[in-house]
């Protein structure tokens, strides 16, 4: 257990520090955050689905070791292929 610190005026002053959110990312972490050229062209799409359907979609994507985006895109392509030939 650490030893107790003396209560002095300096110890009671609030420290002004820089939050991590305000600092620039350096080194390897900065390289990881760079987006690929393909990701720069991607556009977000939002859907409102029932909770049970969302859970089913997440489980199906996880079973196939895919992201939800890749799984849903695959479903869309399969649907378009099936309706084109019908």
C-alpha atoms as a PDB file:
ATOM      1  CA  UNK A   1       0.000   0.000   0.000  1.00  0.00           C
ATOM      2  CA  UNK A   2       1.482   3.406  -0.930  1.00  0.00           C
ATOM      3  CA  UNK A   3       2.489   5.798   1.782  1.00  0.00           C
ATOM      4  CA  UNK A   4       0.097   8.705   2.363  1.00  0.00           C
ATOM      5  CA  UNK A   5       1.117  12.054   0.863  1.00  0.00           C
ATOM      6  CA  UNK A   6       1.222  15.234   2.879  1.00  0.00           C
ATOM      7  CA  UNK A   7      -1.638  17.646   2.194  1.00  0.00           C
ATOM      8  CA  UNK A   8       0.109  20.795   1.038  1.00  0.00           C
ATOM      9  CA  UNK A   9      -1.172  23.674  -1.094  1.00  0.00           C
ATOM     10  CA  UNK A  10       0.739  22.284  -4.092  1.00  0.00           C
ATOM     11  CA  UNK A  11      -0.756  18.823  -3.651  1.00  0.00           C
ATOM     12  CA  UNK A  12      -4.295  20.240  -3.535  1.00  0.00           C
ATOM     13  CA  UNK A  13      -3.956  22.318  -6.726  1.00  0.00           C
ATOM     14  CA  UNK A  14      -5.671  20.894  -9.783  1.00  0.00           C
ATOM     15  CA  UNK A  15      -3.152  19.861 -12.405  1.00  0.00           C
ATOM     16  CA  UNK A  16      -3.644  21.221 -15.909  1.00  0.00           C
ATOM     17  CA  UNK A  17      -2.743  18.397 -18.261  1.00  0.00           C
ATOM     18  CA  UNK A  18      -3.247  17.765 -21.926  1.00  0.00           C
ATOM     19  CA  UNK A  19      -5.819  15.101 -22.663  1.00  0.00           C
ATOM     20  CA  UNK A  20      -4.906  12.272 -25.013  1.00  0.00           C
ATOM     21  CA  UNK A  21      -7.694  13.358 -27.359  1.00  0.00           C
ATOM     22  CA  UNK A  22      -5.945  16.693 -27.881  1.00  0.00           C
ATOM     23  CA  UNK A  23      -2.554  15.231 -28.731  1.00  0.00           C
ATOM     24  CA  UNK A  24      -1.325  14.182 -32.157  1.00  0.00           C
ATOM     25  CA  UNK A  25      -0.875  10.471 -32.774  1.00  0.00           C
ATOM     26  CA  UNK A  26       2.762   9.530 -33.364  1.00  0.00           C
ATOM     27  CA  UNK A  27       4.691   6.513 -34.588  1.00  0.00           C
ATOM     28  CA  UNK A  28       3.103   3.190 -35.399  1.00  0.00           C
ATOM     29  CA  UNK A  29      -0.346   4.206 -34.147  1.00  0.00           C
ATOM     30  CA  UNK A  30      -0.492   6.967 -36.777  1.00  0.00           C
ATOM     31  CA  UNK A  31       0.301   4.479 -39.551  1.00  0.00           C
ATOM     32  CA  UNK A  32      -2.479   2.135 -38.410  1.00  0.00           C
ATOM     33  CA  UNK A  33      -5.070   4.905 -38.570  1.00  0.00           C
ATOM     34  CA  UNK A  34      -4.331   5.783 -42.208  1.00  0.00           C
ATOM     35  CA  UNK A  35      -7.211   4.727 -44.413  1.00  0.00           C
ATOM     36  CA  UNK A  36      -6.721   2.684 -47.547  1.00  0.00           C
ATOM     37  CA  UNK A  37      -7.642   4.261 -50.904  1.00  0.00           C
ATOM     38  CA  UNK A  38     -10.665   1.931 -51.094  1.00  0.00           C
ATOM     39  CA  UNK A  39     -11.895   3.051 -47.655  1.00  0.00           C
ATOM     40  CA  UNK A  40     -11.712   6.691 -48.767  1.00  0.00           C
ATOM     41  CA  UNK A  41     -14.269   5.909 -51.491  1.00  0.00           C
ATOM     42  CA  UNK A  42     -16.622   4.019 -49.161  1.00  0.00           C
ATOM     43  CA  UNK A  43     -19.823   5.773 -48.098  1.00  0.00           C
ATOM     44  CA  UNK A  44     -21.785   4.927 -44.950  1.00  0.00           C
ATOM     45  CA  UNK A  45     -25.314   3.512 -45.178  1.00  0.00           C
ATOM     46  CA  UNK A  46     -27.626   3.382 -42.188  1.00  0.00           C
ATOM     47  CA  UNK A  47     -30.585   1.039 -41.803  1.00  0.00           C
ATOM     48  CA  UNK A  48     -33.248   0.726 -39.134  1.00  0.00           C
ATOM     49  CA  UNK A  49     -33.967  -2.945 -38.485  1.00  0.00           C
ATOM     50  CA  UNK A  50     -35.787  -4.859 -35.745  1.00  0.00           C
ATOM     51  CA  UNK A  51     -33.517  -5.925 -32.882  1.00  0.00           C
ATOM     52  CA  UNK A  52     -34.000  -9.636 -33.632  1.00  0.00           C
ATOM     53  CA  UNK A  53     -32.973  -9.155 -37.280  1.00  0.00           C
ATOM     54  CA  UNK A  54     -29.861  -7.225 -36.259  1.00  0.00           C
ATOM     55  CA  UNK A  55     -28.832 -10.031 -33.930  1.00  0.00           C
ATOM     56  CA  UNK A  56     -29.369 -12.616 -36.684  1.00  0.00           C
ATOM     57  CA  UNK A  57     -27.298 -10.601 -39.161  1.00  0.00           C
ATOM     58  CA  UNK A  58     -24.465 -10.180 -36.662  1.00  0.00           C
ATOM     59  CA  UNK A  59     -24.449 -13.889 -35.853  1.00  0.00           C
ATOM     60  CA  UNK A  60     -24.485 -14.886 -39.541  1.00  0.00           C
ATOM     61  CA  UNK A  61     -21.583 -12.526 -40.305  1.00  0.00           C
ATOM     62  CA  UNK A  62     -19.603 -13.801 -37.303  1.00  0.00           C
ATOM     63  CA  UNK A  63     -20.146 -17.436 -38.314  1.00  0.00           C
ATOM     64  CA  UNK A  64     -18.624 -16.633 -41.705  1.00  0.00           C
ATOM     65  CA  UNK A  65     -15.815 -14.577 -40.104  1.00  0.00           C
ATOM     66  CA  UNK A  66     -16.886 -11.463 -42.033  1.00  0.00           C
ATOM     67  CA  UNK A  67     -17.668  -7.922 -41.052  1.00  0.00           C
ATOM     68  CA  UNK A  68     -21.320  -6.957 -41.116  1.00  0.00           C
ATOM     69  CA  UNK A  69     -20.602  -4.643 -44.067  1.00  0.00           C
ATOM     70  CA  UNK A  70     -18.997  -7.402 -46.141  1.00  0.00           C
ATOM     71  CA  UNK A  71     -21.759  -9.848 -45.230  1.00  0.00           C
ATOM     72  CA  UNK A  72     -24.536  -7.429 -46.172  1.00  0.00           C
ATOM     73  CA  UNK A  73     -22.778  -6.502 -49.415  1.00  0.00           C
ATOM     74  CA  UNK A  74     -22.540 -10.192 -50.285  1.00  0.00           C
ATOM     75  CA  UNK A  75     -26.251 -10.611 -49.537  1.00  0.00           C
ATOM     76  CA  UNK A  76     -27.046  -7.670 -51.809  1.00  0.00           C
ATOM     77  CA  UNK A  77     -24.969  -9.095 -54.670  1.00  0.00           C
ATOM     78  CA  UNK A  78     -26.589 -12.530 -54.252  1.00  0.00           C
ATOM     79  CA  UNK A  79     -30.041 -10.932 -54.333  1.00  0.00           C
ATOM     80  CA  UNK A  80     -29.242  -8.906 -57.458  1.00  0.00           C
ATOM     81  CA  UNK A  81     -27.874 -11.996 -59.208  1.00  0.00           C
ATOM     82  CA  UNK A  82     -30.931 -14.069 -58.247  1.00  0.00           C
ATOM     83  CA  UNK A  83     -33.444 -11.434 -59.393  1.00  0.00           C
ATOM     84  CA  UNK A  84     -31.606 -10.727 -62.661  1.00  0.00           C
ATOM     85  CA  UNK A  85     -31.930 -14.318 -63.876  1.00  0.00           C
ATOM     86  CA  UNK A  86     -35.497 -14.798 -62.606  1.00  0.00           C
END
